[in-house]
PDB file of N, CA and C in Angstrom:
ATOM      1  N   MET A   1      52.735   6.470  16.970  1.00  0.00           N
ATOM      2  CA  MET A   1      52.736   7.620  17.856  1.00  0.00           C
ATOM      3  C   MET A   1      51.342   8.238  17.982  1.00  0.00           C
ATOM      4  N   ALA A   2      50.544   8.116  16.920  1.00  0.00           N
ATOM      5  CA  ALA A   2      49.234   8.743  16.909  1.00  0.00           C
ATOM      6  C   ALA A   2      48.316   8.195  18.003  1.00  0.00           C
ATOM      7  N   ARG A   3      48.457   6.942  18.359  1.00  0.00           N
ATOM      8  CA  ARG A   3      47.590   6.331  19.359  1.00  0.00           C
ATOM      9  C   ARG A   3      48.202   6.384  20.750  1.00  0.00           C
ATOM     10  N   ALA A   4      49.330   6.970  20.871  1.00  0.00           N
ATOM     11  CA  ALA A   4      50.037   6.962  22.147  1.00  0.00           C
ATOM     12  C   ALA A   4      49.225   7.631  23.259  1.00  0.00           C
ATOM     13  N   PHE A   5      48.641   8.783  22.989  1.00  0.00           N
ATOM     14  CA  PHE A   5      47.905   9.477  24.044  1.00  0.00           C
ATOM     15  C   PHE A   5      46.611   8.746  24.380  1.00  0.00           C
ATOM     16  N   TYR A   6      45.959   8.202  23.376  1.00  0.00           N
ATOM     17  CA  TYR A   6      44.746   7.434  23.631  1.00  0.00           C
ATOM     18  C   TYR A   6      45.071   6.234  24.521  1.00  0.00           C
ATOM     19  N   ASN A   7      46.096   5.514  24.187  1.00  0.00           N
ATOM     20  CA  ASN A   7      46.496   4.347  24.991  1.00  0.00           C
ATOM     21  C   ASN A   7      46.892   4.765  26.407  1.00  0.00           C
ATOM     22  N   TYR A   8      47.590   5.877  26.520  1.00  0.00           N
ATOM     23  CA  TYR A   8      47.975   6.403  27.828  1.00  0.00           C
ATOM     24  C   TYR A   8      46.722   6.762  28.640  1.00  0.00           C
ATOM     25  N   THR A   9      45.742   7.357  27.982  1.00  0.00           N
ATOM     26  CA  THR A   9      44.486   7.723  28.640  1.00  0.00           C
ATOM     27  C   THR A   9      43.802   6.498  29.226  1.00  0.00           C
ATOM     28  N   ILE A  10      43.715   5.442  28.447  1.00  0.00           N
ATOM     29  CA  ILE A  10      43.071   4.203  28.903  1.00  0.00           C
ATOM     30  C   ILE A  10      43.821   3.640  30.111  1.00  0.00           C
ATOM     31  N   THR A  11      45.125   3.652  30.054  1.00  0.00           N
ATOM     32  CA  THR A  11      45.941   3.150  31.166  1.00  0.00           C
ATOM     33  C   THR A  11      45.665   3.944  32.440  1.00  0.00           C
ATOM     34  N   ILE A  12      45.652   5.254  32.325  1.00  0.00           N
ATOM     35  CA  ILE A  12      45.402   6.114  33.484  1.00  0.00           C
ATOM     36  C   ILE A  12      44.006   5.872  34.040  1.00  0.00           C
ATOM     37  N   LEU A  13      43.014   5.810  33.178  1.00  0.00           N
ATOM     38  CA  LEU A  13      41.637   5.606  33.631  1.00  0.00           C
ATOM     39  C   LEU A  13      41.475   4.275  34.355  1.00  0.00           C
ATOM     40  N   GLU A  14      42.106   3.252  33.866  1.00  0.00           N
ATOM     41  CA  GLU A  14      42.040   1.952  34.543  1.00  0.00           C
ATOM     42  C   GLU A  14      42.693   2.014  35.918  1.00  0.00           C
ATOM     43  N   LYS A  15      43.782   2.758  36.016  1.00  0.00           N
ATOM     44  CA  LYS A  15      44.503   2.845  37.289  1.00  0.00           C
ATOM     45  C   LYS A  15      43.773   3.679  38.338  1.00  0.00           C
ATOM     46  N   VAL A  16      42.999   4.674  37.904  1.00  0.00           N
ATOM     47  CA  VAL A  16      42.305   5.533  38.871  1.00  0.00           C
ATOM     48  C   VAL A  16      40.847   5.138  39.072  1.00  0.00           C
ATOM     49  N   SER A  17      40.438   4.042  38.509  1.00  0.00           N
ATOM     50  CA  SER A  17      39.025   3.643  38.594  1.00  0.00           C
ATOM     51  C   SER A  17      38.596   3.274  40.010  1.00  0.00           C
ATOM     52  N   PHE A  18      39.536   3.125  40.928  1.00  0.00           N
ATOM     53  CA  PHE A  18      39.196   2.842  42.326  1.00  0.00           C
ATOM     54  C   PHE A  18      38.521   4.037  42.988  1.00  0.00           C
ATOM     55  N   ASN A  19      38.733   5.235  42.431  1.00  0.00           N
ATOM     56  CA  ASN A  19      38.173   6.467  42.996  1.00  0.00           C
ATOM     57  C   ASN A  19      37.271   7.127  41.947  1.00  0.00           C
ATOM     58  N   PRO A  20      35.963   7.052  42.114  1.00  0.00           N
ATOM     59  CA  PRO A  20      35.056   7.604  41.099  1.00  0.00           C
ATOM     60  C   PRO A  20      35.272   9.080  40.788  1.00  0.00           C
ATOM     61  N   GLU A  21      35.563   9.887  41.785  1.00  0.00           N
ATOM     62  CA  GLU A  21      35.766  11.321  41.539  1.00  0.00           C
ATOM     63  C   GLU A  21      37.028  11.572  40.719  1.00  0.00           C
ATOM     64  N   LEU A  22      38.083  10.866  41.038  1.00  0.00           N
ATOM     65  CA  LEU A  22      39.316  11.001  40.279  1.00  0.00           C
ATOM     66  C   LEU A  22      39.134  10.455  38.865  1.00  0.00           C
ATOM     67  N   PHE A  23      38.399   9.381  38.745  1.00  0.00           N
ATOM     68  CA  PHE A  23      38.134   8.781  37.434  1.00  0.00           C
ATOM     69  C   PHE A  23      37.432   9.780  36.524  1.00  0.00           C
ATOM     70  N   ILE A  24      36.381  10.414  37.012  1.00  0.00           N
ATOM     71  CA  ILE A  24      35.634  11.359  36.181  1.00  0.00           C
ATOM     72  C   ILE A  24      36.484  12.579  35.841  1.00  0.00           C
ATOM     73  N   LYS A  25      37.297  13.014  36.769  1.00  0.00           N
ATOM     74  CA  LYS A  25      38.177  14.154  36.514  1.00  0.00           C
ATOM     75  C   LYS A  25      39.162  13.830  35.390  1.00  0.00           C
ATOM     76  N   GLU A  26      39.769  12.678  35.462  1.00  0.00           N
ATOM     77  CA  GLU A  26      40.720  12.252  34.421  1.00  0.00           C
ATOM     78  C   GLU A  26      40.009  12.007  33.093  1.00  0.00           C
ATOM     79  N   LEU A  27      38.814  11.474  33.156  1.00  0.00           N
ATOM     80  CA  LEU A  27      38.042  11.209  31.951  1.00  0.00           C
ATOM     81  C   LEU A  27      37.718  12.507  31.223  1.00  0.00           C
ATOM     82  N   GLU A  28      37.237  13.480  31.954  1.00  0.00           N
ATOM     83  CA  GLU A  28      36.897  14.774  31.351  1.00  0.00           C
ATOM     84  C   GLU A  28      38.135  15.470  30.801  1.00  0.00           C
ATOM     85  N   LYS A  29      39.219  15.418  31.546  1.00  0.00           N
ATOM     86  CA  LYS A  29      40.459  16.057  31.109  1.00  0.00           C
ATOM     87  C   LYS A  29      40.968  15.414  29.817  1.00  0.00           C
ATOM     88  N   SER A  30      40.937  14.113  29.781  1.00  0.00           N
ATOM     89  CA  SER A  30      41.413  13.393  28.598  1.00  0.00           C
ATOM     90  C   SER A  30      40.526  13.650  27.395  1.00  0.00           C
ATOM     91  N   TYR A  31      39.231  13.666  27.624  1.00  0.00           N
ATOM     92  CA  TYR A  31      38.276  13.838  26.533  1.00  0.00           C
ATOM     93  C   TYR A  31      38.496  15.167  25.807  1.00  0.00           C
ATOM     94  N   LYS A  32      38.899  16.168  26.540  1.00  0.00           N
ATOM     95  CA  LYS A  32      39.099  17.495  25.948  1.00  0.00           C
ATOM     96  C   LYS A  32      40.267  17.530  24.969  1.00  0.00           C
ATOM     97  N   VAL A  33      41.263  16.687  25.155  1.00  0.00           N
ATOM     98  CA  VAL A  33      42.454  16.758  24.312  1.00  0.00           C
ATOM     99  C   VAL A  33      42.518  15.672  23.238  1.00  0.00           C
ATOM    100  N   LEU A  34      41.606  14.717  23.299  1.00  0.00           N
ATOM    101  CA  LEU A  34      41.608  13.673  22.284  1.00  0.00           C
ATOM    102  C   LEU A  34      41.025  14.183  20.975  1.00  0.00           C
ATOM    103  N   LEU A  35      41.452  13.584  19.891  1.00  0.00           N
ATOM    104  CA  LEU A  35      40.891  13.896  18.577  1.00  0.00           C
ATOM    105  C   LEU A  35      39.478  13.328  18.480  1.00  0.00           C
ATOM    106  N   PRO A  36      38.665  13.856  17.589  1.00  0.00           N
ATOM    107  CA  PRO A  36      37.269  13.387  17.501  1.00  0.00           C
ATOM    108  C   PRO A  36      37.120  11.870  17.338  1.00  0.00           C
ATOM    109  N   TYR A  37      37.929  11.241  16.509  1.00  0.00           N
ATOM    110  CA  TYR A  37      37.797   9.791  16.351  1.00  0.00           C
ATOM    111  C   TYR A  37      38.261   9.057  17.609  1.00  0.00           C
ATOM    112  N   GLU A  38      39.194   9.642  18.338  1.00  0.00           N
ATOM    113  CA  GLU A  38      39.626   9.043  19.597  1.00  0.00           C
ATOM    114  C   GLU A  38      38.548   9.210  20.674  1.00  0.00           C
ATOM    115  N   GLN A  39      37.815  10.319  20.622  1.00  0.00           N
ATOM    116  CA  GLN A  39      36.703  10.519  21.549  1.00  0.00           C
ATOM    117  C   GLN A  39      35.639   9.449  21.340  1.00  0.00           C
ATOM    118  N   LYS A  40      35.370   9.116  20.082  1.00  0.00           N
ATOM    119  CA  LYS A  40      34.409   8.050  19.788  1.00  0.00           C
ATOM    120  C   LYS A  40      34.890   6.723  20.360  1.00  0.00           C
ATOM    121  N   GLU A  41      36.161   6.437  20.160  1.00  0.00           N
ATOM    122  CA  GLU A  41      36.728   5.196  20.683  1.00  0.00           C
ATOM    123  C   GLU A  41      36.690   5.168  22.205  1.00  0.00           C
ATOM    124  N   LEU A  42      36.919   6.315  22.814  1.00  0.00           N
ATOM    125  CA  LEU A  42      36.867   6.400  24.271  1.00  0.00           C
ATOM    126  C   LEU A  42      35.446   6.128  24.768  1.00  0.00           C
ATOM    127  N   ARG A  43      34.444   6.638  24.077  1.00  0.00           N
ATOM    128  CA  ARG A  43      33.054   6.379  24.455  1.00  0.00           C
ATOM    129  C   ARG A  43      32.726   4.892  24.359  1.00  0.00           C
ATOM    130  N   ILE A  44      33.214   4.236  23.315  1.00  0.00           N
ATOM    131  CA  ILE A  44      33.004   2.795  23.166  1.00  0.00           C
ATOM    132  C   ILE A  44      33.690   2.049  24.298  1.00  0.00           C
ATOM    133  N   TRP A  45      34.929   2.420  24.569  1.00  0.00           N
ATOM    134  CA  TRP A  45      35.667   1.785  25.666  1.00  0.00           C
ATOM    135  C   TRP A  45      34.951   2.017  26.989  1.00  0.00           C
ATOM    136  N   LEU A  46      34.443   3.238  27.191  1.00  0.00           N
ATOM    137  CA  LEU A  46      33.777   3.592  28.441  1.00  0.00           C
ATOM    138  C   LEU A  46      32.533   2.745  28.668  1.00  0.00           C
ATOM    139  N   ARG A  47      31.737   2.529  27.622  1.00  0.00           N
ATOM    140  CA  ARG A  47      30.547   1.681  27.766  1.00  0.00           C
ATOM    141  C   ARG A  47      30.916   0.293  28.273  1.00  0.00           C
ATOM    142  N   GLN A  48      31.934  -0.271  27.685  1.00  0.00           N
ATOM    143  CA  GLN A  48      32.380  -1.607  28.099  1.00  0.00           C
ATOM    144  C   GLN A  48      32.930  -1.569  29.526  1.00  0.00           C
ATOM    145  N   PHE A  49      33.713  -0.571  29.825  1.00  0.00           N
ATOM    146  CA  PHE A  49      34.333  -0.461  31.144  1.00  0.00           C
ATOM    147  C   PHE A  49      33.285  -0.268  32.234  1.00  0.00           C
ATOM    148  N   LEU A  50      32.263   0.541  31.945  1.00  0.00           N
ATOM    149  CA  LEU A  50      31.205   0.770  32.928  1.00  0.00           C
ATOM    150  C   LEU A  50      30.369  -0.482  33.176  1.00  0.00           C
ATOM    151  N   SER A  51      30.221  -1.297  32.166  1.00  0.00           N
ATOM    152  CA  SER A  51      29.472  -2.540  32.378  1.00  0.00           C
ATOM    153  C   SER A  51      30.222  -3.476  33.317  1.00  0.00           C
ATOM    154  N   GLN A  52      31.539  -3.334  33.362  1.00  0.00           N
ATOM    155  CA  GLN A  52      32.371  -4.148  34.257  1.00  0.00           C
ATOM    156  C   GLN A  52      32.579  -3.472  35.613  1.00  0.00           C
ATOM    157  N   ASN A  53      32.328  -2.164  35.684  1.00  0.00           N
ATOM    158  CA  ASN A  53      32.548  -1.379  36.906  1.00  0.00           C
ATOM    159  C   ASN A  53      31.346  -0.487  37.184  1.00  0.00           C
ATOM    160  N   PRO A  54      30.233  -1.074  37.567  1.00  0.00           N
ATOM    161  CA  PRO A  54      29.008  -0.289  37.745  1.00  0.00           C
ATOM    162  C   PRO A  54      29.086   0.764  38.854  1.00  0.00           C
ATOM    163  N   GLN A  55      30.048   0.658  39.744  1.00  0.00           N
ATOM    164  CA  GLN A  55      30.185   1.648  40.807  1.00  0.00           C
ATOM    165  C   GLN A  55      30.550   3.028  40.254  1.00  0.00           C
ATOM    166  N   LEU A  56      31.005   3.097  39.019  1.00  0.00           N
ATOM    167  CA  LEU A  56      31.387   4.376  38.417  1.00  0.00           C
ATOM    168  C   LEU A  56      30.237   5.071  37.698  1.00  0.00           C
ATOM    169  N   VAL A  57      29.167   4.350  37.453  1.00  0.00           N
ATOM    170  CA  VAL A  57      28.069   4.883  36.644  1.00  0.00           C
ATOM    171  C   VAL A  57      27.467   6.137  37.250  1.00  0.00           C
ATOM    172  N   GLU A  58      27.198   6.146  38.531  1.00  0.00           N
ATOM    173  CA  GLU A  58      26.573   7.322  39.167  1.00  0.00           C
ATOM    174  C   GLU A  58      27.453   8.560  39.036  1.00  0.00           C
ATOM    175  N   GLN A  59      28.740   8.402  39.171  1.00  0.00           N
ATOM    176  CA  GLN A  59      29.654   9.540  39.052  1.00  0.00           C
ATOM    177  C   GLN A  59      29.688  10.058  37.616  1.00  0.00           C
ATOM    178  N   ILE A  60      29.671   9.165  36.665  1.00  0.00           N
ATOM    179  CA  ILE A  60      29.703   9.556  35.262  1.00  0.00           C
ATOM    180  C   ILE A  60      28.435  10.347  34.899  1.00  0.00           C
ATOM    181  N   LYS A  61      27.323   9.986  35.492  1.00  0.00           N
ATOM    182  CA  LYS A  61      26.068  10.691  35.196  1.00  0.00           C
ATOM    183  C   LYS A  61      26.148  12.165  35.568  1.00  0.00           C
ATOM    184  N   LYS A  62      27.020  12.514  36.463  1.00  0.00           N
ATOM    185  CA  LYS A  62      27.185  13.903  36.889  1.00  0.00           C
ATOM    186  C   LYS A  62      28.040  14.713  35.913  1.00  0.00           C
ATOM    187  N   SER A  63      28.688  14.024  34.994  1.00  0.00           N
ATOM    188  CA  SER A  63      29.589  14.686  34.066  1.00  0.00           C
ATOM    189  C   SER A  63      28.824  15.333  32.915  1.00  0.00           C
ATOM    190  N   PRO A  64      29.090  16.594  32.635  1.00  0.00           N
ATOM    191  CA  PRO A  64      28.414  17.235  31.511  1.00  0.00           C
ATOM    192  C   PRO A  64      28.937  16.753  30.153  1.00  0.00           C
ATOM    193  N   VAL A  65      30.053  16.076  30.155  1.00  0.00           N
ATOM    194  CA  VAL A  65      30.683  15.637  28.912  1.00  0.00           C
ATOM    195  C   VAL A  65      29.957  14.437  28.307  1.00  0.00           C
ATOM    196  N   PHE A  66      29.424  13.572  29.137  1.00  0.00           N
ATOM    197  CA  PHE A  66      28.850  12.331  28.652  1.00  0.00           C
ATOM    198  C   PHE A  66      27.340  12.334  28.806  1.00  0.00           C
ATOM    199  N   LEU A  67      26.685  11.945  27.759  1.00  0.00           N
ATOM    200  CA  LEU A  67      25.230  11.930  27.749  1.00  0.00           C
ATOM    201  C   LEU A  67      24.702  10.764  28.566  1.00  0.00           C
ATOM    202  N   GLU A  68      23.607  10.991  29.253  1.00  0.00           N
ATOM    203  CA  GLU A  68      23.011   9.964  30.088  1.00  0.00           C
ATOM    204  C   GLU A  68      22.574   8.756  29.263  1.00  0.00           C
ATOM    205  N   GLN A  69      22.159   8.991  28.029  1.00  0.00           N
ATOM    206  CA  GLN A  69      21.752   7.891  27.170  1.00  0.00           C
ATOM    207  C   GLN A  69      22.889   6.892  26.970  1.00  0.00           C
ATOM    208  N   GLU A  70      24.074   7.393  26.747  1.00  0.00           N
ATOM    209  CA  GLU A  70      25.224   6.515  26.561  1.00  0.00           C
ATOM    210  C   GLU A  70      25.535   5.725  27.817  1.00  0.00           C
ATOM    211  N   ILE A  71      25.374   6.353  28.943  1.00  0.00           N
ATOM    212  CA  ILE A  71      25.655   5.700  30.208  1.00  0.00           C
ATOM    213  C   ILE A  71      24.621   4.603  30.464  1.00  0.00           C
ATOM    214  N   ASN A  72      23.364   4.897  30.151  1.00  0.00           N
ATOM    215  CA  ASN A  72      22.312   3.904  30.341  1.00  0.00           C
ATOM    216  C   ASN A  72      22.522   2.691  29.444  1.00  0.00           C
ATOM    217  N   GLU A  73      23.078   2.912  28.259  1.00  0.00           N
ATOM    218  CA  GLU A  73      23.381   1.792  27.373  1.00  0.00           C
ATOM    219  C   GLU A  73      24.424   0.878  27.975  1.00  0.00           C
ATOM    220  N   ALA A  74      25.322   1.439  28.772  1.00  0.00           N
ATOM    221  CA  ALA A  74      26.377   0.644  29.392  1.00  0.00           C
ATOM    222  C   ALA A  74      25.876  -0.143  30.581  1.00  0.00           C
ATOM    223  N   SER A  75      24.836   0.343  31.225  1.00  0.00           N
ATOM    224  CA  SER A  75      24.332  -0.291  32.448  1.00  0.00           C
ATOM    225  C   SER A  75      23.591  -1.568  32.166  1.00  0.00           C
TER     226      SER A  75
END
């Protein structure tokens, strides 16, 4: 049960990745409610996901939640 919300978050993010604005909105919303260790896992997942979906990188850079350094590592 502990990983249920994290797994749900990943599912939602994958489904809304067609729309960068919706993706960032869901990402920020999810990040606020995840536990600290889940936030770390989400950042790791995000780096991998962004390397596969570079069209999302510019939108993520606008987010105050994620550091530009992390985004550049994914690119």
